[in-house]
Amino acid sequence: MPYFSQNQIFLPKKIAELIEKAQMEMVQIANLFTYTVDLPANPDTLKWIEITERFNNDVRQALSGLEGEIRVALGDKG
């Protein structure tokens, strides 16, 4: 995310923090998938389901919070 790192100064602090949080969540989930499902000869299917649920919950929540903050920053009062 070099573009973000170089330009985050132009974003409100809360939005920059939420972007970093969402990015960290996605990296953690991708790494977990790689090492427990993708690389092993016998993938852990239960872990795969757990990872999918985590992605659907944690990442969606992070992105939803980010979307809300961006809307507020743009003047949306709804």
N, C-alpha and C. Protein backbone atom coordinates (compact mmCIF):
# COMPACT_ATOMS: atom_id res chain seq x y z
N MET A 1 0.82 -1.18 0.00
CA MET A 1 0.00 0.00 0.00
C MET A 1 0.87 1.26 0.00
N PRO A 2 1.84 1.35 -0.89
CA PRO A 2 2.69 2.53 -0.91
C PRO A 2 1.91 3.82 -1.18
N TYR A 3 0.91 3.75 -2.03
CA TYR A 3 0.13 4.96 -2.34
C TYR A 3 -0.53 5.50 -1.07
N PHE A 4 -1.14 4.60 -0.31
CA PHE A 4 -1.79 5.02 0.93
C PHE A 4 -0.78 5.59 1.91
N SER A 5 0.35 4.89 2.09
CA SER A 5 1.37 5.35 3.03
C SER A 5 1.86 6.76 2.69
N GLN A 6 2.01 7.03 1.42
CA GLN A 6 2.51 8.33 0.99
C GLN A 6 1.45 9.43 1.07
N ASN A 7 0.19 9.06 1.02
CA ASN A 7 -0.88 10.05 0.93
C ASN A 7 -1.84 10.09 2.10
N GLN A 8 -1.62 9.27 3.11
CA GLN A 8 -2.56 9.23 4.23
C GLN A 8 -2.64 10.55 4.98
N ILE A 9 -1.65 11.38 4.86
CA ILE A 9 -1.65 12.68 5.52
C ILE A 9 -2.83 13.55 5.04
N PHE A 10 -3.34 13.26 3.87
CA PHE A 10 -4.43 14.05 3.30
C PHE A 10 -5.81 13.55 3.74
N LEU A 11 -5.83 12.49 4.55
CA LEU A 11 -7.09 11.93 5.03
C LEU A 11 -7.28 12.29 6.50
N PRO A 12 -8.53 12.40 6.94
CA PRO A 12 -8.76 12.56 8.38
C PRO A 12 -8.14 11.36 9.12
N LYS A 13 -7.63 11.62 10.32
CA LYS A 13 -6.93 10.59 11.08
C LYS A 13 -7.78 9.34 11.29
N LYS A 14 -9.05 9.52 11.62
CA LYS A 14 -9.94 8.37 11.86
C LYS A 14 -10.06 7.49 10.62
N ILE A 15 -10.16 8.11 9.45
CA ILE A 15 -10.28 7.34 8.21
C ILE A 15 -8.98 6.61 7.92
N ALA A 16 -7.84 7.26 8.12
CA ALA A 16 -6.54 6.61 7.91
C ALA A 16 -6.40 5.41 8.85
N GLU A 17 -6.81 5.55 10.09
CA GLU A 17 -6.74 4.45 11.05
C GLU A 17 -7.63 3.28 10.63
N LEU A 18 -8.82 3.59 10.14
CA LEU A 18 -9.74 2.53 9.72
C LEU A 18 -9.23 1.81 8.48
N ILE A 19 -8.58 2.54 7.57
CA ILE A 19 -7.98 1.90 6.39
C ILE A 19 -6.88 0.94 6.84
N GLU A 20 -6.04 1.39 7.75
CA GLU A 20 -4.96 0.53 8.26
C GLU A 20 -5.53 -0.70 8.95
N LYS A 21 -6.59 -0.53 9.73
CA LYS A 21 -7.21 -1.66 10.42
C LYS A 21 -7.76 -2.67 9.42
N ALA A 22 -8.48 -2.20 8.41
CA ALA A 22 -9.04 -3.10 7.40
C ALA A 22 -7.92 -3.83 6.66
N GLN A 23 -6.86 -3.12 6.33
CA GLN A 23 -5.74 -3.72 5.61
C GLN A 23 -5.07 -4.79 6.47
N MET A 24 -4.87 -4.52 7.75
CA MET A 24 -4.25 -5.50 8.64
C MET A 24 -5.12 -6.74 8.78
N GLU A 25 -6.43 -6.55 8.89
CA GLU A 25 -7.35 -7.69 8.98
C GLU A 25 -7.24 -8.57 7.74
N MET A 26 -7.22 -7.95 6.57
CA MET A 26 -7.16 -8.73 5.33
C MET A 26 -5.83 -9.46 5.20
N VAL A 27 -4.73 -8.83 5.59
CA VAL A 27 -3.42 -9.49 5.53
C VAL A 27 -3.39 -10.68 6.49
N GLN A 28 -3.88 -10.50 7.71
CA GLN A 28 -3.89 -11.59 8.69
C GLN A 28 -4.72 -12.77 8.18
N ILE A 29 -5.87 -12.47 7.63
CA ILE A 29 -6.75 -13.54 7.13
C ILE A 29 -6.11 -14.24 5.93
N ALA A 30 -5.51 -13.48 5.03
CA ALA A 30 -4.85 -14.08 3.86
C ALA A 30 -3.69 -14.97 4.29
N ASN A 31 -2.89 -14.52 5.26
CA ASN A 31 -1.78 -15.33 5.75
C ASN A 31 -2.27 -16.60 6.42
N LEU A 32 -3.30 -16.48 7.23
CA LEU A 32 -3.88 -17.65 7.89
C LEU A 32 -4.37 -18.66 6.85
N PHE A 33 -5.04 -18.18 5.82
CA PHE A 33 -5.52 -19.07 4.76
C PHE A 33 -4.36 -19.75 4.06
N THR A 34 -3.34 -18.98 3.73
CA THR A 34 -2.19 -19.54 3.01
C THR A 34 -1.54 -20.67 3.79
N TYR A 35 -1.30 -20.45 5.09
CA TYR A 35 -0.56 -21.44 5.87
C TYR A 35 -1.40 -22.58 6.44
N THR A 36 -2.70 -22.45 6.46
CA THR A 36 -3.51 -23.54 7.01
C THR A 36 -4.37 -24.25 5.96
N VAL A 37 -4.57 -23.59 4.83
CA VAL A 37 -5.44 -24.19 3.81
C VAL A 37 -4.72 -24.37 2.47
N ASP A 38 -4.08 -23.34 2.00
CA ASP A 38 -3.51 -23.35 0.65
C ASP A 38 -2.24 -24.19 0.54
N LEU A 39 -1.30 -24.02 1.45
CA LEU A 39 0.01 -24.68 1.35
C LEU A 39 0.03 -26.14 1.82
N PRO A 40 -0.66 -26.50 2.88
CA PRO A 40 -0.55 -27.89 3.37
C PRO A 40 -1.08 -28.91 2.36
N ALA A 41 -0.46 -30.09 2.40
CA ALA A 41 -0.92 -31.18 1.52
C ALA A 41 -2.35 -31.58 1.86
N ASN A 42 -2.70 -31.54 3.15
CA ASN A 42 -4.05 -31.85 3.61
C ASN A 42 -4.66 -30.59 4.22
N PRO A 43 -5.33 -29.80 3.40
CA PRO A 43 -5.89 -28.54 3.92
C PRO A 43 -6.87 -28.76 5.07
N ASP A 44 -6.85 -27.85 6.00
CA ASP A 44 -7.75 -27.89 7.16
C ASP A 44 -9.08 -27.24 6.75
N THR A 45 -10.05 -28.05 6.39
CA THR A 45 -11.32 -27.51 5.89
C THR A 45 -12.10 -26.79 6.97
N LEU A 46 -11.99 -27.23 8.22
CA LEU A 46 -12.67 -26.52 9.30
C LEU A 46 -12.07 -25.13 9.49
N LYS A 47 -10.76 -25.03 9.35
CA LYS A 47 -10.10 -23.73 9.46
C LYS A 47 -10.53 -22.84 8.29
N TRP A 48 -10.71 -23.44 7.13
CA TRP A 48 -11.16 -22.71 5.94
C TRP A 48 -12.52 -22.06 6.22
N ILE A 49 -13.42 -22.82 6.80
CA ILE A 49 -14.74 -22.29 7.15
C ILE A 49 -14.60 -21.17 8.17
N GLU A 50 -13.75 -21.38 9.17
CA GLU A 50 -13.52 -20.36 10.21
C GLU A 50 -12.96 -19.07 9.59
N ILE A 51 -12.02 -19.23 8.66
CA ILE A 51 -11.42 -18.07 7.99
C ILE A 51 -12.48 -17.33 7.18
N THR A 52 -13.32 -18.06 6.48
CA THR A 52 -14.38 -17.45 5.68
C THR A 52 -15.33 -16.66 6.57
N GLU A 53 -15.69 -17.24 7.70
CA GLU A 53 -16.58 -16.54 8.63
C GLU A 53 -15.92 -15.30 9.20
N ARG A 54 -14.64 -15.41 9.52
CA ARG A 54 -13.91 -14.25 10.03
C ARG A 54 -13.87 -13.14 8.98
N PHE A 55 -13.61 -13.53 7.74
CA PHE A 55 -13.58 -12.54 6.67
C PHE A 55 -14.95 -11.88 6.54
N ASN A 56 -15.98 -12.67 6.53
CA ASN A 56 -17.34 -12.13 6.38
C ASN A 56 -17.72 -11.21 7.54
N ASN A 57 -17.20 -11.47 8.72
CA ASN A 57 -17.55 -10.65 9.88
C ASN A 57 -16.58 -9.50 10.11
N ASP A 58 -15.31 -9.82 10.38
CA ASP A 58 -14.33 -8.80 10.77
C ASP A 58 -14.03 -7.80 9.66
N VAL A 59 -13.78 -8.30 8.48
CA VAL A 59 -13.43 -7.40 7.38
C VAL A 59 -14.65 -6.57 6.97
N ARG A 60 -15.79 -7.18 6.89
CA ARG A 60 -17.00 -6.43 6.56
C ARG A 60 -17.28 -5.32 7.57
N GLN A 61 -17.08 -5.64 8.83
CA GLN A 61 -17.29 -4.66 9.89
C GLN A 61 -16.29 -3.51 9.76
N ALA A 62 -15.03 -3.84 9.49
CA ALA A 62 -14.01 -2.80 9.32
C ALA A 62 -14.33 -1.91 8.12
N LEU A 63 -14.73 -2.52 7.02
CA LEU A 63 -15.05 -1.73 5.83
C LEU A 63 -16.32 -0.90 6.02
N SER A 64 -17.27 -1.43 6.76
CA SER A 64 -18.49 -0.68 7.03
C SER A 64 -18.19 0.55 7.88
N GLY A 65 -17.34 0.39 8.88
CA GLY A 65 -16.94 1.53 9.71
C GLY A 65 -16.21 2.57 8.89
N LEU A 66 -15.35 2.12 8.00
CA LEU A 66 -14.62 3.02 7.12
C LEU A 66 -15.59 3.78 6.22
N GLU A 67 -16.53 3.07 5.64
CA GLU A 67 -17.52 3.71 4.76
C GLU A 67 -18.29 4.79 5.51
N GLY A 68 -18.70 4.48 6.73
CA GLY A 68 -19.43 5.46 7.53
C GLY A 68 -18.62 6.71 7.80
N GLU A 69 -17.35 6.54 8.15
CA GLU A 69 -16.49 7.69 8.42
C GLU A 69 -16.25 8.53 7.16
N ILE A 70 -16.11 7.87 6.03
CA ILE A 70 -15.92 8.61 4.77
C ILE A 70 -17.17 9.42 4.45
N ARG A 71 -18.33 8.81 4.65
CA ARG A 71 -19.58 9.54 4.40
C ARG A 71 -19.69 10.78 5.30
N VAL A 72 -19.35 10.63 6.56
CA VAL A 72 -19.38 11.76 7.50
C VAL A 72 -18.41 12.83 7.03
N ALA A 73 -17.20 12.43 6.64
CA ALA A 73 -16.19 13.39 6.17
C ALA A 73 -16.64 14.15 4.94
N LEU A 74 -17.49 13.50 4.14
CA LEU A 74 -17.99 14.13 2.92
C LEU A 74 -19.26 14.96 3.16
N GLY A 75 -19.72 14.95 4.42
CA GLY A 75 -20.86 15.79 4.76
C GLY A 75 -22.19 15.09 4.82
N ASP A 76 -22.22 13.76 4.68
CA ASP A 76 -23.48 13.01 4.76
C ASP A 76 -23.92 12.96 6.21
N LYS A 77 -25.09 13.47 6.49
CA LYS A 77 -25.60 13.50 7.86
C LYS A 77 -26.59 12.37 8.11
N GLY A 78 -26.88 11.57 7.08
CA GLY A 78 -27.88 10.52 7.19
C GLY A 78 -27.35 9.34 7.84
